[in-house]
Amino acid sequence: MDPFLERELEKLSHDNIAFRAKTGHLHQTWAKTFSSRPSLYIQPESQDEIRKIVTLARRCRRRITVVGSRHSPSDLTCTSSWMVNLDKFNKVISVDEARKVVIMQSGIRLWQLSAELKKVGLAMPNLGSIDDQSIAGAIATGTHGSTLRHGILSSDVLALRIMLSNGNTVLCSSEQNADLFAAALVSLGALGIITEVTFQAVSAFNIEWEQSIWPLSRILDSWSGEESLWGQAEFVRVWWCPYGKRGIVWKADRTDKPVGPGRRKKKSWYGGWVGYHTYQGLLWVAQWVPRLLPWIEWFVFGMEYGFGYGVCGDGVEEGREGLLMDCLYLQFVNEWAIPLEKGPEAISRLQSWLDGDQPTSRIPFSPRGIYVHSPIEVRVSDTTSTTSPLPHLDPSFPTGPTLYLNATLYRPYSRDPPCRTQYYRAFEHLMKDLGGRPHWAKNFSTVTREEIWDMYPNTMKGWLDLRNQVDPEGMFVGRWHRRLLVPPPSNGEASDEGRGARAKKGIKVSIGGRDGATEELASTTSEESFVMMQGAEAEGSVFLQGIVADEEKGTGGEEA
């Protein structure tokens, strides 16, 4: 352990507060797309332990990256400095059953939260495709489900408690520290450590779902109007199979019916051992023979859903389970938000490109020899359907419903698909051309800082100004933030060198690839200091005008 840190720990030895840190930890994203080795990996179990981490990081001039389930396939959580994992800070603090309001520690996973809520007859009103994320991680990156009756998951957050870089905790909501609240609803981990979440739950519910195979022409013809596909049920999503020019349309509504299989419910083919490994094996073979992918799509999704059109499955499940899906294999995920009305154009142009018709697609990248994985996930949300404050960095659109297109590429047996670079260049060009915004936690690769700022013309500067005021020394700013959000430091600001030894030992991030190659993301040291260091310790920093810390209000960090 760093001698300077040992000295600082000795100064705090009288407080009897644990510092649960270890060295030698290898951090990998769930999809094994990126990895890094933080100098310390810390798992606090209390608010006091989190405050001690922040205090020591400030004194030792170390950055902090908070990580949850590692489900983001990007390098957002990669660091060579201190990594804080909140898996052991995961308790439900209180439940107001009458108001259906729950307060929880921020490290709780969504599946744990759903299980705790079920005990008191409650549930989350909406879920994304998985429930492995921590509640703080889901909020921080703009996680969403697929429904026009809900916004992103942050829409159901009533209040947040955040520990800032000076060790003070701040309670924020639509009524208290409202600007900070709007910034923190999609914080990207750059404001501080979210320690508590106050969430609006609903009564537990079952859903009755039905899935059908539609030709793509019918999906596009039903896109809008009185009989709009997206308004036919509370929850609707589509898995688009471009080579078969068809899609699996899944619709679900709340119901009082008991849980049970429907008349057409059948066991998942690729959810079983044989189907699972057959599918992955075929994807692996297609690494060398990409022309097989159209046939693989036909075979696999025929076995799973049927080879003809019409209803192919139904059933009744608990909402907390029925809204989820099986992600199957390691994968790259490149998802963008565009206005819903631009969906038919986006799908038609991408379909043309995948068909080899580049002139019709108007995408300036050759599709020759490119074969991609299926399906392309199509989901929706509507921020305008909620009364919650709009997060500054919400990728969805504040003027109407939003469409999310998700170009997933599997990594069979941890091998990258050969089409990834060209496919994602083409896909991202199309999304930009349609005014799209990338999902913060996904694998977008061609976007610059200037383009990101242009995508958020009314809110990015305000978010960054507020971020700089609550964390003036950049304790929570990592390499990902500096690459995509934060302008480079001026000549008068401190460099990336930390105190103590200055051996150039950058954030060596391993990127998923067939050759196991690594990439130097930065020439920083493992003892990173702050980009925006002003020379003063954070105890002397100034709160954003109007922000009141819990300590100033006398709450002492207790429940709001």
Protein backbone atom coordinates (compact mmCIF):
# COMPACT_ATOMS: atom_id res chain seq x y z
CA MET A 1 0.00 0.00 0.00
CA ASP A 2 1.15 3.54 -0.74
CA PRO A 3 3.28 4.86 2.21
CA PHE A 4 1.52 8.22 2.02
CA LEU A 5 -1.85 6.49 2.38
CA GLU A 6 -0.53 4.43 5.29
CA ARG A 7 0.45 7.63 7.09
CA GLU A 8 -3.00 9.13 6.49
CA LEU A 9 -4.64 5.94 7.73
CA GLU A 10 -2.55 6.11 10.86
CA LYS A 11 -3.84 9.63 11.53
CA LEU A 12 -7.42 8.30 11.38
CA SER A 13 -6.77 5.08 13.31
CA HIS A 14 -8.65 6.40 16.38
CA ASP A 15 -11.99 6.60 14.54
CA ASN A 16 -12.57 2.79 14.52
CA ILE A 17 -14.03 3.05 11.02
CA ALA A 18 -12.96 0.28 8.65
CA PHE A 19 -11.15 0.93 5.38
CA ARG A 20 -11.94 -2.25 3.42
CA ALA A 21 -9.38 -1.96 0.64
CA LYS A 22 -7.37 -4.52 -1.26
CA THR A 23 -4.76 -4.40 -3.97
CA GLY A 24 -4.30 -6.57 -7.04
CA HIS A 25 -7.94 -6.48 -8.10
CA LEU A 26 -8.69 -7.08 -11.79
CA HIS A 27 -11.73 -5.15 -12.94
CA GLN A 28 -13.54 -6.51 -16.01
CA THR A 29 -16.79 -5.48 -17.60
CA TRP A 30 -19.41 -8.24 -17.64
CA ALA A 31 -18.89 -8.68 -21.39
CA LYS A 32 -15.09 -8.71 -20.91
CA THR A 33 -14.84 -5.86 -23.40
CA PHE A 34 -12.60 -3.78 -21.11
CA SER A 35 -10.51 -4.40 -18.04
CA SER A 36 -8.24 -2.41 -15.76
CA ARG A 37 -6.33 -2.78 -12.49
CA PRO A 38 -7.25 -0.16 -9.89
CA SER A 39 -4.56 0.61 -7.34
CA LEU A 40 -7.16 -0.04 -4.60
CA TYR A 41 -10.48 -1.88 -4.67
CA ILE A 42 -12.69 -0.81 -1.76
CA GLN A 43 -16.04 -2.21 -0.58
CA PRO A 44 -17.54 -0.03 2.16
CA GLU A 45 -20.42 -1.21 4.31
CA SER A 46 -21.58 2.06 5.88
CA GLN A 47 -21.95 5.77 5.26
CA ASP A 48 -19.06 6.44 7.62
CA GLU A 49 -16.82 4.10 5.65
CA ILE A 50 -17.71 5.91 2.43
CA ARG A 51 -16.89 9.24 4.05
CA LYS A 52 -13.53 7.87 5.18
CA ILE A 53 -12.75 6.77 1.61
CA VAL A 54 -13.55 10.24 0.29
CA THR A 55 -11.50 11.90 3.03
CA LEU A 56 -8.46 9.74 2.30
CA ALA A 57 -8.81 10.17 -1.46
CA ARG A 58 -8.88 13.93 -0.99
CA ARG A 59 -5.81 13.95 1.25
CA CYS A 60 -3.91 11.55 -1.00
CA ARG A 61 -5.13 13.20 -4.20
CA ARG A 62 -6.60 10.07 -5.68
CA ARG A 63 -9.51 9.76 -8.06
CA ILE A 64 -12.52 7.62 -7.20
CA THR A 65 -14.51 5.52 -9.65
CA VAL A 66 -17.69 3.89 -8.33
CA VAL A 67 -18.67 0.60 -9.92
CA GLY A 68 -21.68 -1.66 -9.52
CA SER A 69 -22.48 -4.79 -11.51
CA ARG A 70 -19.99 -4.06 -14.33
CA HIS A 71 -22.76 -4.44 -16.92
CA SER A 72 -21.75 -1.37 -18.90
CA PRO A 73 -19.67 -2.78 -21.79
CA SER A 74 -17.74 0.50 -22.16
CA ASP A 75 -14.62 1.75 -20.37
CA LEU A 76 -16.68 4.17 -18.26
CA THR A 77 -15.69 2.38 -15.05
CA CYS A 78 -12.05 1.65 -15.90
CA THR A 79 -9.44 3.28 -13.67
CA SER A 80 -5.95 2.80 -12.33
CA SER A 81 -6.80 4.81 -9.21
CA TRP A 82 -9.30 3.87 -6.49
CA MET A 83 -12.36 1.80 -7.35
CA VAL A 84 -15.28 1.77 -4.93
CA ASN A 85 -17.84 -1.03 -5.16
CA LEU A 86 -21.08 -0.67 -3.17
CA ASP A 87 -22.32 -4.28 -3.32
CA LYS A 88 -22.09 -4.48 0.49
CA PHE A 89 -23.93 -1.18 0.93
CA ASN A 90 -27.25 -2.61 -0.19
CA LYS A 91 -29.92 -2.42 2.50
CA VAL A 92 -33.49 -1.19 2.27
CA ILE A 93 -33.64 1.57 4.88
CA SER A 94 -37.37 2.17 5.09
CA VAL A 95 -40.64 1.50 3.29
CA ASP A 96 -43.72 3.70 3.56
CA GLU A 97 -46.33 1.17 2.45
CA ALA A 98 -49.16 3.71 2.36
CA ARG A 99 -47.29 6.10 0.03
CA LYS A 100 -45.37 3.27 -1.66
CA VAL A 101 -42.11 5.13 -1.10
CA VAL A 102 -38.92 3.18 -0.40
CA ILE A 103 -35.54 4.51 0.73
CA MET A 104 -32.53 2.29 0.07
CA GLN A 105 -28.77 2.25 0.12
CA SER A 106 -27.43 2.84 -3.34
CA GLY A 107 -25.54 -0.42 -3.86
CA ILE A 108 -28.64 -2.62 -3.86
CA ARG A 109 -29.09 -4.55 -7.09
CA LEU A 110 -32.41 -4.23 -8.87
CA TRP A 111 -33.18 -7.92 -8.40
CA GLN A 112 -32.56 -7.56 -4.67
CA LEU A 113 -34.78 -4.50 -4.53
CA SER A 114 -37.56 -6.30 -6.40
CA ALA A 115 -37.37 -9.21 -3.97
CA GLU A 116 -37.55 -6.88 -0.96
CA LEU A 117 -40.46 -4.95 -2.44
CA LYS A 118 -42.37 -8.16 -3.14
CA LYS A 119 -42.35 -8.92 0.60
CA VAL A 120 -44.53 -5.84 1.20
CA GLY A 121 -46.66 -6.12 -1.93
CA LEU A 122 -44.78 -3.52 -3.98
CA ALA A 123 -42.78 -3.43 -7.20
CA MET A 124 -40.77 -1.16 -9.45
CA PRO A 125 -43.12 0.34 -12.07
CA ASN A 126 -40.73 -0.28 -14.96
CA LEU A 127 -37.59 -2.28 -15.70
CA GLY A 128 -35.01 -2.53 -18.44
CA SER A 129 -34.00 -5.79 -20.08
CA ILE A 130 -32.00 -6.97 -17.05
CA ASP A 131 -32.10 -6.43 -13.29
CA ASP A 132 -28.47 -7.13 -12.42
CA GLN A 133 -27.52 -3.45 -12.14
CA SER A 134 -27.26 -1.56 -8.88
CA ILE A 135 -29.93 1.10 -8.41
CA ALA A 136 -27.25 3.82 -8.46
CA GLY A 137 -25.73 2.48 -11.67
CA ALA A 138 -29.09 2.23 -13.40
CA ILE A 139 -29.88 5.83 -12.46
CA ALA A 140 -26.44 7.18 -13.34
CA THR A 141 -26.47 5.93 -16.94
CA GLY A 142 -30.07 6.58 -18.00
CA THR A 143 -31.38 3.01 -17.97
CA HIS A 144 -34.81 2.63 -19.58
CA GLY A 145 -37.43 0.00 -20.35
CA SER A 146 -39.76 -0.15 -23.34
CA THR A 147 -43.01 1.68 -22.78
CA LEU A 148 -44.58 4.97 -23.84
CA ARG A 149 -46.21 5.27 -20.42
CA HIS A 150 -42.93 5.70 -18.58
CA GLY A 151 -39.70 7.63 -18.92
CA ILE A 152 -36.27 6.35 -17.95
CA LEU A 153 -35.86 4.66 -14.55
CA SER A 154 -34.73 7.97 -13.03
CA SER A 155 -38.27 9.26 -13.57
CA ASP A 156 -39.36 7.33 -10.47
CA VAL A 157 -36.62 8.70 -8.21
CA LEU A 158 -37.96 11.16 -5.62
CA ALA A 159 -34.72 12.10 -3.88
CA LEU A 160 -31.02 11.30 -3.77
CA ARG A 161 -28.43 11.62 -1.06
CA ILE A 162 -24.96 12.30 -2.47
CA MET A 163 -21.59 12.41 -0.74
CA LEU A 164 -19.47 15.14 -2.33
CA SER A 165 -15.71 15.36 -2.60
CA ASN A 166 -15.42 17.32 0.67
CA GLY A 167 -17.10 14.51 2.63
CA ASN A 168 -20.40 16.29 3.15
CA THR A 169 -23.64 14.59 2.16
CA VAL A 170 -26.33 16.51 0.33
CA LEU A 171 -29.99 15.60 0.01
CA CYS A 172 -31.48 16.68 -3.28
CA SER A 173 -34.95 16.41 -4.78
CA SER A 174 -37.28 18.44 -6.97
CA GLU A 175 -37.88 20.70 -3.97
CA GLN A 176 -34.44 20.85 -2.37
CA ASN A 177 -31.20 21.42 -4.28
CA ALA A 178 -33.24 20.99 -7.45
CA ASP A 179 -30.43 21.82 -9.87
CA LEU A 180 -28.17 19.20 -8.33
CA PHE A 181 -31.06 16.71 -8.43
CA ALA A 182 -31.59 17.25 -12.17
CA ALA A 183 -27.87 16.78 -12.75
CA ALA A 184 -27.60 13.71 -10.52
CA LEU A 185 -30.53 11.83 -12.10
CA VAL A 186 -28.05 10.95 -14.86
CA SER A 187 -24.76 11.65 -13.10
CA LEU A 188 -22.38 9.32 -14.98
CA GLY A 189 -20.64 8.90 -11.62
CA ALA A 190 -19.03 12.32 -11.96
CA LEU A 191 -20.72 14.37 -9.19
CA GLY A 192 -20.03 12.35 -6.07
CA ILE A 193 -21.07 9.04 -4.53
CA ILE A 194 -24.83 8.50 -4.44
CA THR A 195 -25.43 6.85 -1.09
CA GLU A 196 -29.23 6.75 -0.76
CA VAL A 197 -32.11 6.63 -3.20
CA THR A 198 -35.73 7.49 -2.44
CA PHE A 199 -37.92 5.72 -4.97
CA GLN A 200 -41.60 5.75 -5.91
CA ALA A 201 -42.78 2.14 -6.08
CA VAL A 202 -46.18 0.80 -7.14
CA SER A 203 -48.38 -2.07 -6.04
CA ALA A 204 -46.98 -5.41 -7.16
CA PHE A 205 -48.45 -6.50 -10.48
CA ASN A 206 -48.52 -9.34 -12.95
CA ILE A 207 -48.31 -8.86 -16.70
CA GLU A 208 -50.07 -10.78 -19.43
CA TRP A 209 -47.82 -10.89 -22.47
CA GLU A 210 -48.09 -12.05 -26.03
CA GLN A 211 -45.46 -12.22 -28.73
CA SER A 212 -46.03 -12.48 -32.46
CA ILE A 213 -43.95 -12.61 -35.61
CA TRP A 214 -44.73 -9.76 -37.98
CA PRO A 215 -43.29 -8.95 -41.40
CA LEU A 216 -41.18 -5.81 -41.27
CA SER A 217 -43.58 -4.06 -43.63
CA ARG A 218 -46.41 -4.47 -41.10
CA ILE A 219 -44.23 -3.12 -38.27
CA LEU A 220 -43.44 0.00 -40.27
CA ASP A 221 -47.03 0.45 -41.47
CA SER A 222 -48.25 0.27 -37.84
CA TRP A 223 -45.67 2.70 -36.53
CA SER A 224 -47.98 5.64 -35.87
CA GLY A 225 -51.62 6.63 -35.95
CA GLU A 226 -54.63 5.57 -33.92
CA GLU A 227 -53.65 1.90 -34.06
CA SER A 228 -49.97 2.57 -33.42
CA LEU A 229 -47.94 -0.50 -32.55
CA TRP A 230 -46.40 1.31 -29.61
CA GLY A 231 -49.73 2.24 -28.06
CA GLN A 232 -51.29 -1.23 -28.18
CA ALA A 233 -50.11 -2.14 -24.67
CA GLU A 234 -48.32 -0.61 -21.69
CA PHE A 235 -45.10 -2.44 -22.54
CA VAL A 236 -44.06 -3.05 -26.16
CA ARG A 237 -40.73 -4.02 -27.69
CA VAL A 238 -39.56 -5.45 -31.00
CA TRP A 239 -36.68 -7.71 -31.95
CA TRP A 240 -35.93 -6.93 -35.58
CA CYS A 241 -34.40 -9.69 -37.74
CA PRO A 242 -33.03 -7.82 -40.78
CA TYR A 243 -32.18 -10.81 -42.99
CA GLY A 244 -35.66 -12.30 -42.67
CA LYS A 245 -37.22 -8.81 -42.89
CA ARG A 246 -39.45 -9.60 -39.95
CA GLY A 247 -39.66 -8.88 -36.25
CA ILE A 248 -40.82 -10.45 -33.00
CA VAL A 249 -43.34 -8.07 -31.44
CA TRP A 250 -43.73 -8.46 -27.68
CA LYS A 251 -46.62 -6.72 -25.90
CA ALA A 252 -47.69 -6.81 -22.26
CA ASP A 253 -50.30 -5.23 -20.00
CA ARG A 254 -50.92 -5.42 -16.28
CA THR A 255 -53.45 -8.04 -15.29
CA ASP A 256 -55.22 -9.52 -12.27
CA LYS A 257 -54.81 -13.02 -13.71
CA PRO A 258 -52.63 -15.45 -11.75
CA VAL A 259 -49.17 -16.39 -12.94
CA GLY A 260 -49.16 -19.26 -15.39
CA PRO A 261 -48.18 -20.34 -18.90
CA GLY A 262 -50.40 -19.36 -21.80
CA ARG A 263 -51.83 -21.65 -24.42
CA ARG A 264 -48.93 -20.99 -26.75
CA LYS A 265 -46.16 -20.85 -24.16
CA LYS A 266 -43.28 -23.11 -25.04
CA LYS A 267 -39.88 -23.74 -23.54
CA SER A 268 -37.16 -21.45 -24.84
CA TRP A 269 -34.95 -23.25 -27.36
CA TYR A 270 -31.79 -21.18 -26.89
CA GLY A 271 -32.56 -20.93 -23.18
CA GLY A 272 -31.89 -24.68 -22.93
CA TRP A 273 -28.46 -26.29 -22.90
CA VAL A 274 -28.55 -27.62 -26.46
CA GLY A 275 -29.93 -24.47 -28.04
CA TYR A 276 -27.68 -22.18 -26.04
CA HIS A 277 -24.48 -23.91 -27.09
CA THR A 278 -25.66 -24.59 -30.64
CA TYR A 279 -26.35 -20.89 -31.19
CA GLN A 280 -23.04 -19.78 -29.71
CA GLY A 281 -21.19 -22.41 -31.70
CA LEU A 282 -22.79 -21.21 -34.92
CA LEU A 283 -21.84 -17.61 -34.11
CA TRP A 284 -18.28 -18.77 -33.49
CA VAL A 285 -18.12 -20.53 -36.88
CA ALA A 286 -19.50 -17.37 -38.51
CA GLN A 287 -16.40 -15.50 -37.33
CA TRP A 288 -14.63 -17.18 -40.24
CA VAL A 289 -17.64 -17.61 -42.54
CA PRO A 290 -19.74 -14.45 -42.01
CA ARG A 291 -22.01 -15.37 -44.94
CA LEU A 292 -23.61 -17.93 -42.64
CA LEU A 293 -25.22 -15.24 -40.46
CA PRO A 294 -28.43 -14.79 -42.53
CA TRP A 295 -29.00 -18.54 -42.38
CA ILE A 296 -28.16 -18.60 -38.64
CA GLU A 297 -30.77 -15.89 -38.06
CA TRP A 298 -33.39 -17.92 -39.94
CA PHE A 299 -32.55 -21.16 -38.13
CA VAL A 300 -32.09 -19.87 -34.58
CA PHE A 301 -35.10 -17.56 -34.47
CA GLY A 302 -37.20 -20.11 -36.30
CA MET A 303 -36.37 -22.67 -33.62
CA GLU A 304 -37.06 -20.13 -30.86
CA TYR A 305 -40.19 -18.39 -32.19
CA GLY A 306 -41.38 -20.34 -35.23
CA PHE A 307 -40.79 -20.11 -38.96
CA GLY A 308 -44.12 -18.57 -39.92
CA TYR A 309 -46.05 -15.42 -38.98
CA GLY A 310 -48.57 -15.00 -36.18
CA VAL A 311 -48.73 -15.44 -32.40
CA CYS A 312 -45.86 -17.56 -31.11
CA GLY A 313 -46.12 -17.29 -27.34
CA ASP A 314 -48.06 -15.90 -24.39
CA GLY A 315 -48.30 -16.15 -20.65
CA VAL A 316 -48.78 -14.39 -17.33
CA GLU A 317 -45.77 -13.56 -15.15
CA GLU A 318 -44.87 -11.29 -12.29
CA GLY A 319 -43.89 -7.93 -13.72
CA ARG A 320 -40.51 -8.08 -11.99
CA GLU A 321 -39.67 -11.20 -14.02
CA GLY A 322 -41.72 -10.90 -17.20
CA LEU A 323 -40.20 -7.56 -18.21
CA LEU A 324 -36.70 -9.04 -18.32
CA MET A 325 -34.90 -10.90 -21.09
CA ASP A 326 -31.94 -13.24 -21.41
CA CYS A 327 -28.84 -11.45 -22.73
CA LEU A 328 -27.32 -14.84 -23.67
CA TYR A 329 -23.66 -14.20 -24.47
CA LEU A 330 -20.86 -11.69 -23.98
CA GLN A 331 -21.58 -8.78 -26.28
CA PHE A 332 -20.90 -5.31 -27.59
CA VAL A 333 -23.95 -3.09 -27.26
CA ASN A 334 -24.37 0.11 -29.27
CA GLU A 335 -27.70 1.76 -28.51
CA TRP A 336 -28.91 5.18 -29.61
CA ALA A 337 -31.98 7.31 -28.94
CA ILE A 338 -33.76 9.09 -31.78
CA PRO A 339 -37.21 10.72 -32.00
CA LEU A 340 -39.82 8.01 -32.39
CA GLU A 341 -41.20 9.46 -35.62
CA LYS A 342 -37.82 8.92 -37.28
CA GLY A 343 -37.94 5.19 -36.61
CA PRO A 344 -39.25 4.06 -40.02
CA GLU A 345 -36.55 6.04 -41.81
CA ALA A 346 -33.83 4.66 -39.53
CA ILE A 347 -34.94 1.06 -39.95
CA SER A 348 -35.50 1.37 -43.71
CA ARG A 349 -32.10 2.95 -44.32
CA LEU A 350 -30.24 0.45 -42.14
CA GLN A 351 -32.14 -2.40 -43.81
CA SER A 352 -31.04 -1.08 -47.22
CA TRP A 353 -27.43 -0.88 -46.06
CA LEU A 354 -27.47 -4.45 -44.73
CA ASP A 355 -29.04 -5.53 -48.04
CA GLY A 356 -26.02 -4.04 -49.83
CA ASP A 357 -27.91 -1.07 -51.27
CA GLN A 358 -25.61 1.73 -50.15
CA PRO A 359 -27.08 4.49 -52.39
CA THR A 360 -30.57 4.01 -50.90
CA SER A 361 -29.20 3.88 -47.37
CA ARG A 362 -27.30 7.16 -47.81
CA ILE A 363 -24.62 5.81 -45.45
CA PRO A 364 -21.09 6.65 -46.69
CA PHE A 365 -19.52 3.36 -45.62
CA SER A 366 -19.38 0.26 -47.77
CA PRO A 367 -21.56 -2.67 -46.68
CA ARG A 368 -19.58 -5.07 -48.85
CA GLY A 369 -18.83 -8.27 -46.96
CA ILE A 370 -20.58 -7.06 -43.79
CA TYR A 371 -22.86 -9.53 -42.03
CA VAL A 372 -24.20 -8.75 -38.57
CA HIS A 373 -25.81 -10.48 -35.63
CA SER A 374 -29.52 -10.52 -34.93
CA PRO A 375 -31.77 -9.28 -33.56
CA ILE A 376 -31.60 -5.50 -33.47
CA GLU A 377 -33.54 -4.47 -30.38
CA VAL A 378 -36.18 -1.75 -30.80
CA ARG A 379 -37.57 -0.09 -27.65
CA VAL A 380 -39.33 3.13 -26.65
CA SER A 381 -39.83 5.52 -23.75
CA ASP A 382 -41.52 8.87 -23.23
CA THR A 383 -40.05 11.42 -20.85
CA THR A 384 -43.02 13.69 -21.50
CA SER A 385 -45.32 11.11 -19.86
CA THR A 386 -43.85 11.88 -16.43
CA THR A 387 -44.00 14.87 -14.10
CA SER A 388 -40.49 14.29 -12.76
CA PRO A 389 -37.70 16.83 -13.35
CA LEU A 390 -35.90 16.23 -16.63
CA PRO A 391 -32.33 15.01 -16.07
CA HIS A 392 -29.78 17.28 -17.73
CA LEU A 393 -28.18 14.37 -19.58
CA ASP A 394 -31.23 12.22 -20.29
CA PRO A 395 -30.61 10.74 -23.79
CA SER A 396 -34.34 10.60 -24.50
CA PHE A 397 -36.05 13.58 -26.09
CA PRO A 398 -38.07 16.10 -24.04
CA THR A 399 -40.38 16.99 -26.92
CA GLY A 400 -42.01 13.59 -27.48
CA PRO A 401 -41.59 9.81 -27.49
CA THR A 402 -38.14 8.36 -28.00
CA LEU A 403 -37.05 5.31 -29.96
CA TYR A 404 -34.00 3.27 -28.93
CA LEU A 405 -32.20 1.17 -31.53
CA ASN A 406 -29.75 -1.32 -30.10
CA ALA A 407 -27.17 -2.87 -32.45
CA THR A 408 -25.90 -5.81 -30.41
CA LEU A 409 -22.92 -7.89 -31.53
CA TYR A 410 -22.17 -11.07 -29.63
CA ARG A 411 -18.68 -12.17 -28.64
CA PRO A 412 -18.94 -15.96 -28.99
CA TYR A 413 -16.41 -17.60 -26.71
CA SER A 414 -14.94 -14.12 -26.05
CA ARG A 415 -14.05 -13.43 -29.69
CA ASP A 416 -14.88 -10.12 -31.37
CA PRO A 417 -17.03 -10.22 -34.53
CA PRO A 418 -15.11 -9.13 -37.65
CA CYS A 419 -17.86 -6.70 -38.72
CA ARG A 420 -17.77 -4.54 -35.59
CA THR A 421 -15.72 -1.55 -36.75
CA GLN A 422 -17.44 -1.01 -40.11
CA TYR A 423 -20.92 -1.86 -38.86
CA TYR A 424 -20.69 0.54 -35.93
CA ARG A 425 -19.27 3.30 -38.12
CA ALA A 426 -22.25 2.95 -40.44
CA PHE A 427 -24.78 2.60 -37.62
CA GLU A 428 -23.47 5.62 -35.72
CA HIS A 429 -23.36 7.74 -38.88
CA LEU A 430 -27.03 6.96 -39.46
CA MET A 431 -27.94 7.74 -35.86
CA LYS A 432 -26.09 11.06 -35.95
CA ASP A 433 -27.75 11.92 -39.26
CA LEU A 434 -31.14 11.46 -37.58
CA GLY A 435 -30.26 13.63 -34.58
CA GLY A 436 -29.58 10.71 -32.27
CA ARG A 437 -27.86 10.47 -28.90
CA PRO A 438 -25.92 7.42 -27.68
CA HIS A 439 -26.81 5.52 -24.54
CA TRP A 440 -24.17 6.59 -22.04
CA ALA A 441 -23.23 3.10 -20.87
CA LYS A 442 -22.87 1.46 -24.29
CA ASN A 443 -20.16 0.94 -26.92
CA PHE A 444 -20.41 4.05 -29.10
CA SER A 445 -17.03 4.58 -30.73
CA THR A 446 -17.01 7.41 -33.28
CA VAL A 447 -18.41 10.24 -31.15
CA THR A 448 -16.27 13.24 -30.18
CA ARG A 449 -16.57 15.57 -27.22
CA GLU A 450 -17.73 18.34 -29.55
CA GLU A 451 -20.49 16.14 -30.96
CA ILE A 452 -21.66 15.20 -27.47
CA TRP A 453 -21.90 18.88 -26.54
CA ASP A 454 -23.89 19.56 -29.72
CA MET A 455 -26.31 16.78 -28.75
CA TYR A 456 -27.08 18.56 -25.45
CA PRO A 457 -26.98 22.25 -26.45
CA ASN A 458 -29.22 23.45 -23.63
CA THR A 459 -28.02 21.33 -20.73
CA MET A 460 -24.42 20.13 -21.10
CA LYS A 461 -22.76 23.37 -20.04
CA GLY A 462 -25.05 23.70 -17.03
CA TRP A 463 -24.38 20.11 -16.01
CA LEU A 464 -20.64 20.57 -16.31
CA ASP A 465 -20.63 23.92 -14.48
CA LEU A 466 -22.55 22.36 -11.61
CA ARG A 467 -20.26 19.31 -11.67
CA ASN A 468 -17.20 21.54 -11.41
CA GLN A 469 -18.68 23.39 -8.44
CA VAL A 470 -19.60 20.34 -6.37
CA ASP A 471 -16.34 18.56 -7.26
CA PRO A 472 -13.91 21.40 -8.08
CA GLU A 473 -10.82 19.19 -7.92
CA GLY A 474 -12.14 16.47 -10.19
CA MET A 475 -12.10 13.61 -7.69
CA PHE A 476 -14.85 11.82 -9.63
CA VAL A 477 -13.67 12.70 -13.15
CA GLY A 478 -12.10 9.75 -14.96
CA ARG A 479 -10.49 9.22 -18.31
CA TRP A 480 -13.86 8.45 -19.97
CA HIS A 481 -15.31 11.77 -18.76
CA ARG A 482 -12.29 13.71 -19.97
CA ARG A 483 -12.42 12.06 -23.36
CA LEU A 484 -16.11 12.73 -23.97
CA LEU A 485 -17.38 15.46 -21.65
CA VAL A 486 -14.84 17.56 -19.80
CA PRO A 487 -12.73 20.04 -21.77
CA PRO A 488 -8.97 19.54 -21.35
CA PRO A 489 -7.36 21.46 -18.46
CA SER A 490 -5.82 24.84 -19.12
CA ASN A 491 -2.07 25.38 -18.78
CA GLY A 492 -2.53 26.70 -15.27
CA GLU A 493 -4.19 23.54 -13.98
CA ALA A 494 -2.42 20.56 -12.52
CA SER A 495 -1.28 17.65 -14.63
CA ASP A 496 -2.31 14.04 -14.16
CA GLU A 497 0.74 13.29 -12.02
CA GLY A 498 0.02 12.30 -8.45
CA ARG A 499 1.97 12.70 -5.23
CA GLY A 500 4.80 10.33 -4.51
CA ALA A 501 6.38 8.14 -7.18
CA ARG A 502 5.81 9.36 -10.71
CA ALA A 503 6.50 6.26 -12.76
CA LYS A 504 4.48 6.46 -15.95
CA LYS A 505 2.16 3.53 -15.48
CA GLY A 506 -1.00 4.56 -17.30
CA ILE A 507 -4.48 3.12 -17.18
CA LYS A 508 -3.72 0.01 -19.13
CA VAL A 509 -7.12 -1.13 -20.35
CA SER A 510 -7.47 -4.46 -22.04
CA ILE A 511 -9.98 -4.35 -24.86
CA GLY A 512 -11.83 -7.46 -25.98
CA GLY A 513 -10.18 -8.81 -29.08
CA ARG A 514 -8.91 -11.92 -30.74
CA ASP A 515 -5.29 -11.01 -30.20
CA GLY A 516 -5.71 -9.94 -26.57
CA ALA A 517 -4.37 -6.51 -27.44
CA THR A 518 -4.26 -3.72 -24.89
CA GLU A 519 -4.63 -0.01 -25.31
CA GLU A 520 -2.99 2.80 -23.36
CA LEU A 521 -5.87 5.14 -22.63
CA ALA A 522 -3.68 7.62 -20.77
CA SER A 523 -0.13 8.33 -19.69
CA THR A 524 -1.29 8.84 -16.12
CA THR A 525 0.16 7.25 -13.02
CA SER A 526 -1.56 4.69 -10.84
CA GLU A 527 -1.65 7.42 -8.20
CA GLU A 528 -3.75 9.79 -10.29
CA SER A 529 -4.26 13.29 -8.98
CA PHE A 530 -7.00 15.65 -10.08
CA VAL A 531 -7.20 17.36 -13.44
CA MET A 532 -8.75 20.47 -11.94
CA MET A 533 -6.55 20.68 -8.82
CA GLN A 534 -6.62 24.20 -7.44
CA GLY A 535 -4.14 23.62 -4.62
CA ALA A 536 -6.63 23.65 -1.75
CA GLU A 537 -8.07 20.64 0.02
CA ALA A 538 -11.77 20.05 -0.63
CA GLU A 539 -12.64 21.05 2.94
CA GLY A 540 -12.13 24.57 1.71
CA SER A 541 -14.23 24.19 -1.40
CA VAL A 542 -17.38 26.22 -1.81
CA PHE A 543 -20.78 24.63 -2.22
CA LEU A 544 -22.79 25.57 -5.23
CA GLN A 545 -24.83 28.53 -4.15
CA GLY A 546 -28.10 27.30 -2.69
CA ILE A 547 -26.93 23.75 -1.97
CA VAL A 548 -27.23 22.86 1.67
CA ALA A 549 -25.38 19.89 3.11
CA ASP A 550 -27.06 17.49 5.52
CA GLU A 551 -24.59 18.55 8.19
CA GLU A 552 -25.71 22.18 7.85
CA LYS A 553 -29.35 21.16 8.22
CA GLY A 554 -28.54 19.01 11.24
CA THR A 555 -29.83 15.78 9.75
CA GLY A 556 -26.56 14.01 10.32
CA GLY A 557 -27.20 11.78 7.35
CA GLU A 558 -30.32 10.23 8.84
CA GLU A 559 -33.32 9.29 6.80
CA ALA A 560 -35.09 12.19 5.12
